[in-house]
Amino acid sequence: MGVESATPFGAFGFKVEVDGGGALGCFQEVSGLGISIDVETLKEGGVNKTTHQLIKGASYSNVTLKRGLCDIGMYKWINDVLEGNVTRYSVVITLLDDEQKPVMKYKLAQAIPVKWDGPTLSVSSDAIATETLVFAHEGLTVSKA
C-alpha cells in the first residue's frame, strides 16, 4: 500500500450521474460515502492473550444527496419505488479539480432511493428551498478518473 504525495482536492466541485447517462442534477452536498468491514470475534481455547478477528463482510453507508429544489425529478424517482416500479441504478459521483476536470470517481452499485425529504418552508427565512434524497446501495468502488 503506497502513499502518494500530492495536494488534496477541494470538496466543492463534483457531479452526480446515473448509469453513466445524464447528470442527476446539480447538488450542493453529497455525504455518507463509506464502507465498514464487519468482524466476528473468536476466542481460541487456551490462548488468553489475544482474540481472532474474522472478517464477515462489508456494509455500506447510505449516501445522501442535497440540492436546491428546482424540479420534481428526485421525488419522482422515490415515488416510482412506492408505486412498485423498483429500478436500481449505478450512481457515479465524480470529484472535479479546480479546472473542472475529473480526478476521482465514486460508484454506487445497484442504488435505490430509500428516503426523500422536501424543503422546510418558513415565511421568516430567506434560505433556498432544498431537498435531500438518500440512497441505499450494494457496493462502493473508488477509482481515479
Protein backbone atom coordinates (compact mmCIF):
# COMPACT_ATOMS: atom_id res chain seq x y z
CA MET A 1 0.00 0.00 0.00
CA GLY A 2 1.76 3.15 -1.21
CA VAL A 3 1.03 6.72 -0.27
CA GLU A 4 1.21 9.35 -2.97
CA SER A 5 2.34 12.83 -2.06
CA ALA A 6 0.01 15.40 -3.58
CA THR A 7 -2.07 18.45 -2.87
CA PRO A 8 -5.51 17.49 -1.51
CA PHE A 9 -8.53 18.05 -3.75
CA GLY A 10 -11.26 20.50 -2.83
CA ALA A 11 -14.64 19.08 -1.82
CA PHE A 12 -16.66 21.74 -3.64
CA GLY A 13 -16.59 20.52 -7.25
CA PHE A 14 -18.48 17.37 -8.19
CA LYS A 15 -21.18 15.97 -10.44
CA VAL A 16 -23.66 13.12 -9.99
CA GLU A 17 -24.72 10.83 -12.85
CA VAL A 18 -26.97 7.79 -13.14
CA ASP A 19 -25.79 4.74 -15.12
CA GLY A 20 -23.21 6.83 -16.99
CA GLY A 21 -26.08 8.72 -18.60
CA GLY A 22 -27.12 12.25 -17.94
CA ALA A 23 -26.46 14.22 -14.80
CA LEU A 24 -28.94 13.62 -12.00
CA GLY A 25 -28.77 17.29 -11.07
CA CYS A 26 -26.63 19.98 -9.54
CA PHE A 27 -26.04 19.21 -5.89
CA GLN A 28 -24.69 21.29 -3.06
CA GLU A 29 -23.75 18.32 -0.90
CA VAL A 30 -23.02 14.59 -1.04
CA SER A 31 -22.49 12.76 2.25
CA GLY A 32 -22.26 9.19 3.52
CA LEU A 33 -19.62 7.74 1.21
CA GLY A 34 -18.30 4.98 3.46
CA ILE A 35 -17.51 1.30 3.91
CA SER A 36 -17.31 -0.70 7.15
CA ILE A 37 -15.77 -4.14 7.48
CA ASP A 38 -17.83 -6.38 9.75
CA VAL A 39 -15.83 -8.69 12.00
CA GLU A 40 -16.63 -11.52 14.37
CA THR A 41 -14.52 -12.03 17.47
CA LEU A 42 -13.36 -15.62 18.04
CA LYS A 43 -11.71 -16.71 21.27
CA GLU A 44 -9.38 -19.65 20.96
CA GLY A 45 -9.33 -22.06 23.91
CA GLY A 46 -6.09 -21.90 25.87
CA VAL A 47 -4.98 -18.63 24.19
CA ASN A 48 -5.66 -15.88 26.69
CA LYS A 49 -3.52 -13.06 25.25
CA THR A 50 -5.50 -12.43 22.08
CA THR A 51 -8.72 -12.96 20.20
CA HIS A 52 -9.05 -13.59 16.48
CA GLN A 53 -10.96 -11.09 14.31
CA LEU A 54 -12.70 -12.91 11.45
CA ILE A 55 -13.94 -10.88 8.51
CA LYS A 56 -17.65 -11.46 7.91
CA GLY A 57 -18.27 -8.99 5.10
CA ALA A 58 -18.77 -5.34 4.38
CA SER A 59 -21.57 -2.87 4.94
CA TYR A 60 -22.06 0.37 3.04
CA SER A 61 -23.37 3.64 4.40
CA ASN A 62 -26.41 5.21 2.82
CA VAL A 63 -25.47 8.15 0.62
CA THR A 64 -27.34 11.45 0.89
CA LEU A 65 -27.64 13.98 -1.93
CA LYS A 66 -28.77 17.53 -1.13
CA ARG A 67 -29.67 20.27 -3.59
CA GLY A 68 -31.74 23.35 -4.12
CA LEU A 69 -35.27 22.41 -5.09
CA CYS A 70 -35.68 23.07 -8.82
CA ASP A 71 -37.85 20.25 -10.23
CA ILE A 72 -39.62 17.04 -9.18
CA GLY A 73 -37.04 14.58 -10.54
CA MET A 74 -35.78 13.27 -7.19
CA TYR A 75 -39.30 12.98 -5.77
CA LYS A 76 -40.44 11.17 -8.91
CA TRP A 77 -37.74 8.52 -8.50
CA ILE A 78 -38.73 7.62 -4.93
CA ASN A 79 -42.42 7.83 -5.84
CA ASP A 80 -41.81 5.27 -8.60
CA VAL A 81 -40.41 2.92 -5.94
CA LEU A 82 -43.51 3.50 -3.78
CA GLU A 83 -45.69 2.54 -6.74
CA GLY A 84 -43.78 -0.73 -7.24
CA ASN A 85 -41.58 0.38 -10.15
CA VAL A 86 -38.34 -0.60 -8.45
CA THR A 87 -35.38 0.11 -10.71
CA ARG A 88 -31.84 0.01 -9.38
CA TYR A 89 -29.16 2.14 -10.99
CA SER A 90 -25.45 2.72 -10.77
CA VAL A 91 -24.81 6.21 -9.44
CA VAL A 92 -21.44 7.81 -10.20
CA ILE A 93 -20.19 10.78 -8.20
CA THR A 94 -17.22 12.45 -9.89
CA LEU A 95 -14.93 14.76 -7.94
CA LEU A 96 -13.66 17.67 -10.07
CA ASP A 97 -10.48 19.70 -9.66
CA ASP A 98 -10.20 23.50 -9.83
CA GLU A 99 -10.31 23.34 -13.64
CA GLN A 100 -13.47 21.16 -13.58
CA LYS A 101 -11.52 18.08 -14.74
CA PRO A 102 -12.44 14.68 -13.21
CA VAL A 103 -9.97 13.42 -10.61
CA MET A 104 -11.84 10.71 -8.61
CA LYS A 105 -14.94 8.59 -9.16
CA TYR A 106 -17.19 7.03 -6.54
CA LYS A 107 -19.56 4.41 -7.99
CA LEU A 108 -22.57 3.14 -6.07
CA ALA A 109 -23.73 -0.26 -7.33
CA GLN A 110 -27.43 -1.11 -7.50
CA ALA A 111 -28.54 2.13 -5.84
CA ILE A 112 -32.15 2.66 -4.89
CA PRO A 113 -33.74 5.68 -3.20
CA VAL A 114 -34.90 4.96 0.36
CA LYS A 115 -35.74 8.42 1.67
CA TRP A 116 -36.73 11.82 0.31
CA ASP A 117 -37.01 14.99 2.38
CA GLY A 118 -38.67 18.05 0.95
CA PRO A 119 -37.90 21.65 1.87
CA THR A 120 -38.51 23.34 5.18
CA LEU A 121 -40.80 26.24 4.38
CA SER A 122 -40.89 29.35 6.57
CA VAL A 123 -42.03 32.92 5.94
CA SER A 124 -39.31 34.17 8.29
CA SER A 125 -36.43 32.65 6.29
CA ASP A 126 -34.68 33.80 3.14
CA ALA A 127 -32.90 30.45 2.63
CA ILE A 128 -33.13 28.47 -0.60
CA ALA A 129 -35.63 25.60 -0.54
CA THR A 130 -33.65 22.34 -0.50
CA GLU A 131 -34.44 18.67 -0.85
CA THR A 132 -32.50 15.52 0.01
CA LEU A 133 -32.51 12.04 -1.48
CA VAL A 134 -30.97 9.10 0.38
CA PHE A 135 -29.73 6.00 -1.46
CA ALA A 136 -29.09 2.50 -0.18
CA HIS A 137 -26.70 0.57 -2.40
CA GLU A 138 -24.89 -2.74 -2.72
CA GLY A 139 -21.31 -1.61 -3.14
CA LEU A 140 -18.94 1.34 -3.41
CA THR A 141 -15.90 1.48 -5.65
CA VAL A 142 -13.43 4.35 -5.71
CA SER A 143 -11.12 4.99 -8.65
CA LYS A 144 -9.01 7.69 -10.21
CA ALA A 145 -10.82 9.39 -13.06
